[in-house]
Amino acid sequence: MGYQGGTVVQQQILFKMLLAKHVN
């Protein structure tokens, strides 16, 4: 999963969403 031209904020949001999904 490689996003080209993606902002760091977007990546952080995705990471947080993934973490939340993993925890729940």
PDB file of N, CA and C in Angstrom:
ATOM      1  N   MET A   1       0.844  -1.198   0.000  1.00  0.00           N
ATOM      2  CA  MET A   1       0.000   0.000   0.000  1.00  0.00           C
ATOM      3  C   MET A   1       0.880   1.249   0.000  1.00  0.00           C
ATOM      4  N   GLY A   2       1.150   1.777  -1.165  1.00  0.00           N
ATOM      5  CA  GLY A   2       1.997   2.968  -1.235  1.00  0.00           C
ATOM      6  C   GLY A   2       1.236   4.121  -1.850  1.00  0.00           C
ATOM      7  N   TYR A   3       1.101   5.182  -1.080  1.00  0.00           N
ATOM      8  CA  TYR A   3       0.389   6.358  -1.587  1.00  0.00           C
ATOM      9  C   TYR A   3       1.387   7.386  -2.089  1.00  0.00           C
ATOM     10  N   GLN A   4       1.308   7.719  -3.386  1.00  0.00           N
ATOM     11  CA  GLN A   4       2.219   8.715  -3.947  1.00  0.00           C
ATOM     12  C   GLN A   4       1.548  10.078  -3.926  1.00  0.00           C
ATOM     13  N   GLY A   5       2.258  11.064  -3.402  1.00  0.00           N
ATOM     14  CA  GLY A   5       1.690  12.414  -3.346  1.00  0.00           C
ATOM     15  C   GLY A   5       0.701  12.545  -2.211  1.00  0.00           C
ATOM     16  N   GLY A   6       0.816  11.670  -1.221  1.00  0.00           N
ATOM     17  CA  GLY A   6      -0.095  11.754  -0.066  1.00  0.00           C
ATOM     18  C   GLY A   6       0.512  12.619   1.027  1.00  0.00           C
ATOM     19  N   THR A   7      -0.357  13.350   1.703  1.00  0.00           N
ATOM     20  CA  THR A   7       0.139  14.227   2.764  1.00  0.00           C
ATOM     21  C   THR A   7       0.380  13.428   4.037  1.00  0.00           C
ATOM     22  N   VAL A   8       1.269  13.924   4.869  1.00  0.00           N
ATOM     23  CA  VAL A   8       1.573  13.228   6.123  1.00  0.00           C
ATOM     24  C   VAL A   8       0.331  13.162   7.003  1.00  0.00           C
ATOM     25  N   VAL A   9      -0.464  14.235   6.968  1.00  0.00           N
ATOM     26  CA  VAL A   9      -1.687  14.254   7.784  1.00  0.00           C
ATOM     27  C   VAL A   9      -2.603  13.120   7.365  1.00  0.00           C
ATOM     28  N   GLN A  10      -2.761  12.939   6.057  1.00  0.00           N
ATOM     29  CA  GLN A  10      -3.638  11.878   5.569  1.00  0.00           C
ATOM     30  C   GLN A  10      -3.119  10.525   6.046  1.00  0.00           C
ATOM     31  N   GLN A  11      -1.796  10.341   5.968  1.00  0.00           N
ATOM     32  CA  GLN A  11      -1.223   9.062   6.390  1.00  0.00           C
ATOM     33  C   GLN A  11      -1.461   8.846   7.877  1.00  0.00           C
ATOM     34  N   GLN A  12      -1.313   9.905   8.667  1.00  0.00           N
ATOM     35  CA  GLN A  12      -1.529   9.777  10.113  1.00  0.00           C
ATOM     36  C   GLN A  12      -2.976   9.409  10.401  1.00  0.00           C
ATOM     37  N   ILE A  13      -3.898  10.038   9.675  1.00  0.00           N
ATOM     38  CA  ILE A  13      -5.326   9.748   9.880  1.00  0.00           C
ATOM     39  C   ILE A  13      -5.603   8.287   9.540  1.00  0.00           C
ATOM     40  N   LEU A  14      -5.044   7.824   8.432  1.00  0.00           N
ATOM     41  CA  LEU A  14      -5.246   6.430   8.030  1.00  0.00           C
ATOM     42  C   LEU A  14      -4.688   5.498   9.093  1.00  0.00           C
ATOM     43  N   PHE A  15      -3.494   5.853   9.605  1.00  0.00           N
ATOM     44  CA  PHE A  15      -2.862   5.023  10.631  1.00  0.00           C
ATOM     45  C   PHE A  15      -3.740   4.958  11.873  1.00  0.00           C
ATOM     46  N   LYS A  16      -4.264   6.104  12.273  1.00  0.00           N
ATOM     47  CA  LYS A  16      -5.129   6.139  13.465  1.00  0.00           C
ATOM     48  C   LYS A  16      -6.386   5.309  13.223  1.00  0.00           C
ATOM     49  N   MET A  17      -6.939   5.409  12.040  1.00  0.00           N
ATOM     50  CA  MET A  17      -8.148   4.648  11.724  1.00  0.00           C
ATOM     51  C   MET A  17      -7.853   3.154  11.788  1.00  0.00           C
ATOM     52  N   LEU A  18      -6.683   2.777  11.233  1.00  0.00           N
ATOM     53  CA  LEU A  18      -6.303   1.366  11.247  1.00  0.00           C
ATOM     54  C   LEU A  18      -6.128   0.879  12.680  1.00  0.00           C
ATOM     55  N   LEU A  19      -5.484   1.707  13.502  1.00  0.00           N
ATOM     56  CA  LEU A  19      -5.275   1.332  14.907  1.00  0.00           C
ATOM     57  C   LEU A  19      -6.620   1.167  15.601  1.00  0.00           C
ATOM     58  N   ALA A  20      -7.512   2.116  15.388  1.00  0.00           N
ATOM     59  CA  ALA A  20      -8.826   2.056  16.030  1.00  0.00           C
ATOM     60  C   ALA A  20      -9.560   0.786  15.595  1.00  0.00           C
ATOM     61  N   LYS A  21      -9.455   0.474  14.302  1.00  0.00           N
ATOM     62  CA  LYS A  21     -10.133  -0.719  13.799  1.00  0.00           C
ATOM     63  C   LYS A  21      -9.528  -1.965  14.436  1.00  0.00           C
ATOM     64  N   HIS A  22      -8.212  -1.963  14.594  1.00  0.00           N
ATOM     65  CA  HIS A  22      -7.526  -3.126  15.165  1.00  0.00           C
ATOM     66  C   HIS A  22      -7.914  -3.310  16.633  1.00  0.00           C
ATOM     67  N   VAL A  23      -8.024  -2.183  17.347  1.00  0.00           N
ATOM     68  CA  VAL A  23      -8.357  -2.253  18.777  1.00  0.00           C
ATOM     69  C   VAL A  23      -9.797  -2.712  18.958  1.00  0.00           C
ATOM     70  N   ASN A  24     -10.687  -2.141  18.177  1.00  0.00           N
ATOM     71  CA  ASN A  24     -12.109  -2.496  18.320  1.00  0.00           C
ATOM     72  C   ASN A  24     -12.358  -3.904  17.818  1.00  0.00           C
TER      73      ASN A  24
END
